[in-house]
C-alpha atoms as a PDB file:
ATOM      1  CA  UNK A   1      16.018 -14.961  -8.111  1.00  0.00           C
ATOM      2  CA  UNK A   2      12.906 -15.142  -5.942  1.00  0.00           C
ATOM      3  CA  UNK A   3      13.950 -12.178  -3.813  1.00  0.00           C
ATOM      4  CA  UNK A   4      14.991 -10.091  -6.814  1.00  0.00           C
ATOM      5  CA  UNK A   5      11.686 -10.827  -8.555  1.00  0.00           C
ATOM      6  CA  UNK A   6       9.715  -9.699  -5.528  1.00  0.00           C
ATOM      7  CA  UNK A   7      11.889  -6.591  -5.056  1.00  0.00           C
ATOM      8  CA  UNK A   8      11.328  -5.713  -8.730  1.00  0.00           C
ATOM      9  CA  UNK A   9       7.553  -5.959  -8.307  1.00  0.00           C
ATOM     10  CA  UNK A  10       7.626  -3.816  -5.157  1.00  0.00           C
ATOM     11  CA  UNK A  11       9.902  -1.223  -6.798  1.00  0.00           C
ATOM     12  CA  UNK A  12       7.636  -1.029  -9.842  1.00  0.00           C
ATOM     13  CA  UNK A  13       4.574  -0.596  -7.612  1.00  0.00           C
ATOM     14  CA  UNK A  14       6.258   2.291  -5.789  1.00  0.00           C
ATOM     15  CA  UNK A  15       7.461   3.839  -9.069  1.00  0.00           C
ATOM     16  CA  UNK A  16       4.003   3.611 -10.634  1.00  0.00           C
ATOM     17  CA  UNK A  17       2.354   5.096  -7.551  1.00  0.00           C
ATOM     18  CA  UNK A  18       4.858   7.942  -7.270  1.00  0.00           C
ATOM     19  CA  UNK A  19       4.718   8.873 -10.945  1.00  0.00           C
ATOM     20  CA  UNK A  20       0.927   8.649 -11.093  1.00  0.00           C
ATOM     21  CA  UNK A  21       0.627  11.042  -8.139  1.00  0.00           C
ATOM     22  CA  UNK A  22       3.055  13.601  -9.562  1.00  0.00           C
ATOM     23  CA  UNK A  23       6.172  12.652  -7.598  1.00  0.00           C
ATOM     24  CA  UNK A  24       9.244  12.584  -9.835  1.00  0.00           C
ATOM     25  CA  UNK A  25      11.234  10.268  -7.547  1.00  0.00           C
ATOM     26  CA  UNK A  26      13.144   7.865  -9.785  1.00  0.00           C
ATOM     27  CA  UNK A  27      14.714   5.790  -7.013  1.00  0.00           C
ATOM     28  CA  UNK A  28      12.275   2.834  -7.235  1.00  0.00           C
ATOM     29  CA  UNK A  29      12.548   2.820 -11.023  1.00  0.00           C
ATOM     30  CA  UNK A  30      16.338   2.861 -10.779  1.00  0.00           C
ATOM     31  CA  UNK A  31      16.245  -0.075  -8.348  1.00  0.00           C
ATOM     32  CA  UNK A  32      14.159  -2.009 -10.881  1.00  0.00           C
ATOM     33  CA  UNK A  33      16.604  -0.900 -13.594  1.00  0.00           C
ATOM     34  CA  UNK A  34      19.624  -2.163 -11.670  1.00  0.00           C
ATOM     35  CA  UNK A  35      17.971  -5.537 -11.140  1.00  0.00           C
ATOM     36  CA  UNK A  36      17.023  -5.579 -14.835  1.00  0.00           C
ATOM     37  CA  UNK A  37      20.644  -4.809 -15.758  1.00  0.00           C
ATOM     38  CA  UNK A  38      21.770  -7.773 -13.662  1.00  0.00           C
ATOM     39  CA  UNK A  39      19.308 -10.058 -15.456  1.00  0.00           C
ATOM     40  CA  UNK A  40      20.450  -8.722 -18.831  1.00  0.00           C
ATOM     41  CA  UNK A  41      24.118  -9.334 -18.046  1.00  0.00           C
ATOM     42  CA  UNK A  42      23.327 -12.858 -16.835  1.00  0.00           C
ATOM     43  CA  UNK A  43      21.433 -13.584 -20.066  1.00  0.00           C
ATOM     44  CA  UNK A  44      24.293 -12.252 -22.207  1.00  0.00           C
ATOM     45  CA  UNK A  45      26.779 -14.375 -20.258  1.00  0.00           C
ATOM     46  CA  UNK A  46      24.549 -17.416 -20.717  1.00  0.00           C
ATOM     47  CA  UNK A  47      24.366 -16.804 -24.483  1.00  0.00           C
ATOM     48  CA  UNK A  48      28.138 -16.494 -24.860  1.00  0.00           C
ATOM     49  CA  UNK A  49      29.001 -19.482 -22.681  1.00  0.00           C
ATOM     50  CA  UNK A  50      26.386 -21.589 -24.479  1.00  0.00           C
ATOM     51  CA  UNK A  51      27.672 -20.474 -27.874  1.00  0.00           C
ATOM     52  CA  UNK A  52      31.236 -21.332 -26.903  1.00  0.00           C
ATOM     53  CA  UNK A  53      30.240 -24.739 -25.560  1.00  0.00           C
ATOM     54  CA  UNK A  54      28.119 -25.624 -28.595  1.00  0.00           C
ATOM     55  CA  UNK A  55      30.788 -24.379 -31.025  1.00  0.00           C
ATOM     56  CA  UNK A  56      33.368 -26.488 -29.211  1.00  0.00           C
ATOM     57  CA  UNK A  57      31.163 -29.584 -29.520  1.00  0.00           C
ATOM     58  CA  UNK A  58      30.204 -28.777 -33.129  1.00  0.00           C
ATOM     59  CA  UNK A  59      26.473 -28.591 -32.365  1.00  0.00           C
ATOM     60  CA  UNK A  60      24.191 -25.844 -33.721  1.00  0.00           C
ATOM     61  CA  UNK A  61      23.341 -23.141 -31.194  1.00  0.00           C
ATOM     62  CA  UNK A  62      20.273 -21.700 -32.937  1.00  0.00           C
ATOM     63  CA  UNK A  63      17.915 -24.300 -31.453  1.00  0.00           C
ATOM     64  CA  UNK A  64      19.106 -23.467 -27.952  1.00  0.00           C
ATOM     65  CA  UNK A  65      18.896 -19.703 -28.466  1.00  0.00           C
ATOM     66  CA  UNK A  66      15.340 -20.019 -29.748  1.00  0.00           C
ATOM     67  CA  UNK A  67      14.175 -22.266 -26.930  1.00  0.00           C
ATOM     68  CA  UNK A  68      10.809 -21.152 -25.489  1.00  0.00           C
ATOM     69  CA  UNK A  69      12.325 -20.135 -22.136  1.00  0.00           C
ATOM     70  CA  UNK A  70      15.021 -18.070 -23.836  1.00  0.00           C
ATOM     71  CA  UNK A  71      12.557 -16.317 -26.148  1.00  0.00           C
ATOM     72  CA  UNK A  72      10.393 -15.418 -23.137  1.00  0.00           C
ATOM     73  CA  UNK A  73      13.478 -14.067 -21.346  1.00  0.00           C
ATOM     74  CA  UNK A  74      14.424 -11.967 -24.400  1.00  0.00           C
ATOM     75  CA  UNK A  75      10.889 -10.566 -24.595  1.00  0.00           C
ATOM     76  CA  UNK A  76      10.893  -9.750 -20.864  1.00  0.00           C
ATOM     77  CA  UNK A  77      14.246  -7.989 -21.108  1.00  0.00           C
ATOM     78  CA  UNK A  78      13.232  -6.042 -24.226  1.00  0.00           C
ATOM     79  CA  UNK A  79       9.920  -4.859 -22.796  1.00  0.00           C
ATOM     80  CA  UNK A  80      11.612  -3.975 -19.514  1.00  0.00           C
ATOM     81  CA  UNK A  81      14.278  -1.837 -21.139  1.00  0.00           C
ATOM     82  CA  UNK A  82      11.732  -0.108 -23.362  1.00  0.00           C
ATOM     83  CA  UNK A  83       9.600   0.680 -20.305  1.00  0.00           C
ATOM     84  CA  UNK A  84      12.470   1.934 -18.153  1.00  0.00           C
ATOM     85  CA  UNK A  85      14.031   4.090 -20.866  1.00  0.00           C
ATOM     86  CA  UNK A  86      10.724   5.537 -22.075  1.00  0.00           C
ATOM     87  CA  UNK A  87       9.629   6.295 -18.504  1.00  0.00           C
ATOM     88  CA  UNK A  88      12.843   8.154 -17.738  1.00  0.00           C
ATOM     89  CA  UNK A  89      12.727  10.078 -21.028  1.00  0.00           C
ATOM     90  CA  UNK A  90       9.043  11.015 -20.765  1.00  0.00           C
ATOM     91  CA  UNK A  91       8.818  11.471 -16.991  1.00  0.00           C
ATOM     92  CA  UNK A  92       7.177  14.886 -17.204  1.00  0.00           C
ATOM     93  CA  UNK A  93       4.287  13.404 -19.231  1.00  0.00           C
ATOM     94  CA  UNK A  94       3.268  11.047 -16.430  1.00  0.00           C
ATOM     95  CA  UNK A  95       3.204   7.287 -16.373  1.00  0.00           C
ATOM     96  CA  UNK A  96       4.327   5.586 -19.573  1.00  0.00           C
ATOM     97  CA  UNK A  97       1.329   3.353 -20.256  1.00  0.00           C
ATOM     98  CA  UNK A  98       1.974   0.695 -22.914  1.00  0.00           C
ATOM     99  CA  UNK A  99       5.426  -0.626 -22.075  1.00  0.00           C
ATOM    100  CA  UNK A 100       5.325   0.082 -18.344  1.00  0.00           C
ATOM    101  CA  UNK A 101       2.075  -1.837 -17.939  1.00  0.00           C
ATOM    102  CA  UNK A 102       3.500  -4.769 -19.911  1.00  0.00           C
ATOM    103  CA  UNK A 103       6.688  -4.650 -17.850  1.00  0.00           C
ATOM    104  CA  UNK A 104       4.803  -4.558 -14.539  1.00  0.00           C
ATOM    105  CA  UNK A 105       2.557  -7.451 -15.573  1.00  0.00           C
ATOM    106  CA  UNK A 106       5.463  -9.541 -16.831  1.00  0.00           C
ATOM    107  CA  UNK A 107       7.509  -8.776 -13.696  1.00  0.00           C
ATOM    108  CA  UNK A 108       4.559  -9.966 -11.590  1.00  0.00           C
ATOM    109  CA  UNK A 109       4.191 -13.155 -13.647  1.00  0.00           C
ATOM    110  CA  UNK A 110       7.948 -13.747 -13.518  1.00  0.00           C
ATOM    111  CA  UNK A 111       7.918 -13.372  -9.723  1.00  0.00           C
ATOM    112  CA  UNK A 112       5.054 -15.858  -9.471  1.00  0.00           C
ATOM    113  CA  UNK A 113       6.873 -18.246 -11.825  1.00  0.00           C
ATOM    114  CA  UNK A 114       9.941 -18.241  -9.555  1.00  0.00           C
ATOM    115  CA  UNK A 115       7.737 -19.390  -6.658  1.00  0.00           C
ATOM    116  CA  UNK A 116       6.626 -22.551  -8.474  1.00  0.00           C
ATOM    117  CA  UNK A 117       7.727 -25.976  -7.364  1.00  0.00           C
ATOM    118  CA  UNK A 118      10.351 -27.635  -9.493  1.00  0.00           C
ATOM    119  CA  UNK A 119       9.305 -30.750 -11.418  1.00  0.00           C
ATOM    120  CA  UNK A 120      11.949 -32.865  -9.693  1.00  0.00           C
ATOM    121  CA  UNK A 121      10.252 -32.192  -6.332  1.00  0.00           C
ATOM    122  CA  UNK A 122       7.263 -34.355  -7.285  1.00  0.00           C
ATOM    123  CA  UNK A 123       3.503 -33.680  -7.288  1.00  0.00           C
END
């Protein structure tokens, strides 16, 4: 996850630079899109396996689906897909500002978050 987070940030930096300077090269944006697709598929798999496990045990799944970490993941995935799709659709108009800037900032924060020390490692 650490490597993919850093590759996403680098790909988004290259995509933003290229699009801002008139280059219509979509390769860095597609690299970020492929990584984003992987994260989306992992999240969907996590939802279905969690739903199956909780249904089997008879526990409600809503509390788990609306956990803070999951809501943040859903927001990251939603903003990312909006940014990628809008940038590809409106490529000739330049850099897509609102969603792409949110996606780049959240990708940066997500990459930094993966570098944190785990709580079980101690202070």
